Amino acid sequence: MLLLIIRPDLLFLYKDFNMVEYKNIIKRNPNKRFGKPCVRDTRITVYDILGWLATGMDSKDIIRDFPELNVEDIKACLAYAADREHKLQHAS
């Protein structure tokens, strides 16, 4: 199964939901942001990045505002969200 994300700034293919290896980028720490999944050792959550994308920011805008992030971090957040959604659909 292929899923194509259609965003000019984030155009890439996902295959079988093994997209970007987000597990090396997305971390949970119970002592940081109440255990929400964050990008590496930052306090920036997956939810933050998804929210910014949803409001129309593109990856360049996000990286300009948060230079500690890169395109792979943003892709990892999307992969994490897609994988989580996939797992929720199959769990029910």
C-alpha atoms as a PDB file:
ATOM      1  CA  MET A   1       0.000   0.000   0.000  1.00  0.00           C
ATOM      2  CA  LEU A   2       1.336   3.421  -0.942  1.00  0.00           C
ATOM      3  CA  LEU A   3       0.206   6.683   0.597  1.00  0.00           C
ATOM      4  CA  LEU A   4       1.143   9.918  -1.145  1.00  0.00           C
ATOM      5  CA  ILE A   5       1.256  13.062   0.952  1.00  0.00           C
ATOM      6  CA  ILE A   6       0.295  15.917  -1.352  1.00  0.00           C
ATOM      7  CA  ARG A   7       1.903  19.045   0.042  1.00  0.00           C
ATOM      8  CA  PRO A   8       4.303  20.944  -2.214  1.00  0.00           C
ATOM      9  CA  ASP A   9       6.785  21.350   0.623  1.00  0.00           C
ATOM     10  CA  LEU A  10       6.469  17.778   1.917  1.00  0.00           C
ATOM     11  CA  LEU A  11       6.026  15.626  -1.160  1.00  0.00           C
ATOM     12  CA  PHE A  12       7.215  12.119  -0.520  1.00  0.00           C
ATOM     13  CA  LEU A  13       6.014   8.528  -0.658  1.00  0.00           C
ATOM     14  CA  TYR A  14       5.254   6.277   2.242  1.00  0.00           C
ATOM     15  CA  LYS A  15       5.350   2.536   1.753  1.00  0.00           C
ATOM     16  CA  ASP A  16       3.530   0.134   4.072  1.00  0.00           C
ATOM     17  CA  PHE A  17       3.581   2.696   6.871  1.00  0.00           C
ATOM     18  CA  ASN A  18       7.304   2.080   7.398  1.00  0.00           C
ATOM     19  CA  MET A  19       7.907   5.602   6.222  1.00  0.00           C
ATOM     20  CA  VAL A  20      10.615   7.566   7.899  1.00  0.00           C
ATOM     21  CA  GLU A  21      12.266   5.738  10.780  1.00  0.00           C
ATOM     22  CA  TYR A  22      10.692   8.077  13.303  1.00  0.00           C
ATOM     23  CA  LYS A  23      11.656   6.011  16.337  1.00  0.00           C
ATOM     24  CA  ASN A  24      15.131   7.532  16.285  1.00  0.00           C
ATOM     25  CA  ILE A  25      13.693  11.053  16.191  1.00  0.00           C
ATOM     26  CA  ILE A  26      10.445  11.033  18.173  1.00  0.00           C
ATOM     27  CA  LYS A  27      11.049  10.522  21.893  1.00  0.00           C
ATOM     28  CA  ARG A  28       8.839  10.350  24.964  1.00  0.00           C
ATOM     29  CA  ASN A  29      10.128  11.529  28.308  1.00  0.00           C
ATOM     30  CA  PRO A  30       7.725  11.522  31.256  1.00  0.00           C
ATOM     31  CA  ASN A  31       9.583  14.547  32.675  1.00  0.00           C
ATOM     32  CA  LYS A  32       9.205  16.640  29.520  1.00  0.00           C
ATOM     33  CA  ARG A  33       5.902  18.049  28.207  1.00  0.00           C
ATOM     34  CA  PHE A  34       3.947  15.544  30.324  1.00  0.00           C
ATOM     35  CA  GLY A  35       5.326  12.600  28.346  1.00  0.00           C
ATOM     36  CA  LYS A  36       4.016  13.775  24.995  1.00  0.00           C
ATOM     37  CA  PRO A  37       6.049  12.638  21.971  1.00  0.00           C
ATOM     38  CA  CYS A  38       8.723  15.256  21.247  1.00  0.00           C
ATOM     39  CA  VAL A  39      11.296  15.761  18.527  1.00  0.00           C
ATOM     40  CA  ARG A  40      14.619  14.421  19.802  1.00  0.00           C
ATOM     41  CA  ASP A  41      15.635  16.224  22.990  1.00  0.00           C
ATOM     42  CA  THR A  42      13.646  19.384  22.278  1.00  0.00           C
ATOM     43  CA  ARG A  43      10.413  20.404  23.962  1.00  0.00           C
ATOM     44  CA  ILE A  44       8.687  20.592  20.559  1.00  0.00           C
ATOM     45  CA  THR A  45       5.911  18.014  20.351  1.00  0.00           C
ATOM     46  CA  VAL A  46       4.562  16.117  17.375  1.00  0.00           C
ATOM     47  CA  TYR A  47       1.272  17.876  18.093  1.00  0.00           C
ATOM     48  CA  ASP A  48       2.989  21.289  17.833  1.00  0.00           C
ATOM     49  CA  ILE A  49       4.381  20.487  14.391  1.00  0.00           C
ATOM     50  CA  LEU A  50       1.142  18.960  13.113  1.00  0.00           C
ATOM     51  CA  GLY A  51      -0.709  22.023  14.342  1.00  0.00           C
ATOM     52  CA  TRP A  52       1.657  24.383  12.546  1.00  0.00           C
ATOM     53  CA  LEU A  53       1.300  22.388   9.331  1.00  0.00           C
ATOM     54  CA  ALA A  54      -2.491  22.422   9.721  1.00  0.00           C
ATOM     55  CA  THR A  55      -2.498  26.221  10.002  1.00  0.00           C
ATOM     56  CA  GLY A  56      -0.682  26.515   6.684  1.00  0.00           C
ATOM     57  CA  MET A  57       2.939  26.808   7.718  1.00  0.00           C
ATOM     58  CA  ASP A  58       5.286  24.886   5.488  1.00  0.00           C
ATOM     59  CA  SER A  59       8.463  23.116   6.519  1.00  0.00           C
ATOM     60  CA  LYS A  60      10.603  26.130   5.583  1.00  0.00           C
ATOM     61  CA  ASP A  61       8.544  28.384   7.871  1.00  0.00           C
ATOM     62  CA  ILE A  62       8.825  25.925  10.757  1.00  0.00           C
ATOM     63  CA  ILE A  63      12.566  25.467  10.315  1.00  0.00           C
ATOM     64  CA  ARG A  64      13.071  29.236  10.062  1.00  0.00           C
ATOM     65  CA  ASP A  65      11.202  29.706  13.360  1.00  0.00           C
ATOM     66  CA  PHE A  66      12.828  26.683  15.016  1.00  0.00           C
ATOM     67  CA  PRO A  67      16.311  26.198  13.517  1.00  0.00           C
ATOM     68  CA  GLU A  68      16.951  23.191  15.757  1.00  0.00           C
ATOM     69  CA  LEU A  69      14.506  21.273  13.517  1.00  0.00           C
ATOM     70  CA  ASN A  70      15.095  19.917  10.031  1.00  0.00           C
ATOM     71  CA  VAL A  71      12.966  18.410   7.265  1.00  0.00           C
ATOM     72  CA  GLU A  72      13.588  14.882   8.549  1.00  0.00           C
ATOM     73  CA  ASP A  73      12.153  15.890  11.923  1.00  0.00           C
ATOM     74  CA  ILE A  74       8.978  17.129  10.270  1.00  0.00           C
ATOM     75  CA  LYS A  75       8.701  13.972   8.164  1.00  0.00           C
ATOM     76  CA  ALA A  76       9.204  11.923  11.331  1.00  0.00           C
ATOM     77  CA  CYS A  77       6.271  13.716  12.980  1.00  0.00           C
ATOM     78  CA  LEU A  78       4.055  12.932   9.995  1.00  0.00           C
ATOM     79  CA  ALA A  79       5.228   9.325   9.992  1.00  0.00           C
ATOM     80  CA  TYR A  80       4.571   9.028  13.728  1.00  0.00           C
ATOM     81  CA  ALA A  81       1.044  10.415  13.316  1.00  0.00           C
ATOM     82  CA  ALA A  82       0.293   8.167  10.328  1.00  0.00           C
ATOM     83  CA  ASP A  83       1.634   5.098  12.116  1.00  0.00           C
ATOM     84  CA  ARG A  84      -0.371   5.905  15.234  1.00  0.00           C
ATOM     85  CA  GLU A  85      -3.543   6.376  13.187  1.00  0.00           C
ATOM     86  CA  HIS A  86      -2.882   3.103  11.350  1.00  0.00           C
ATOM     87  CA  LYS A  87      -2.450   1.255  14.656  1.00  0.00           C
ATOM     88  CA  LEU A  88      -5.641   2.791  16.079  1.00  0.00           C
ATOM     89  CA  GLN A  89      -7.647   1.744  13.013  1.00  0.00           C
ATOM     90  CA  HIS A  90      -6.406  -1.838  13.229  1.00  0.00           C
ATOM     91  CA  ALA A  91      -6.887  -2.065  16.984  1.00  0.00           C
ATOM     92  CA  SER A  92     -10.621  -1.493  16.763  1.00  0.00           C
END
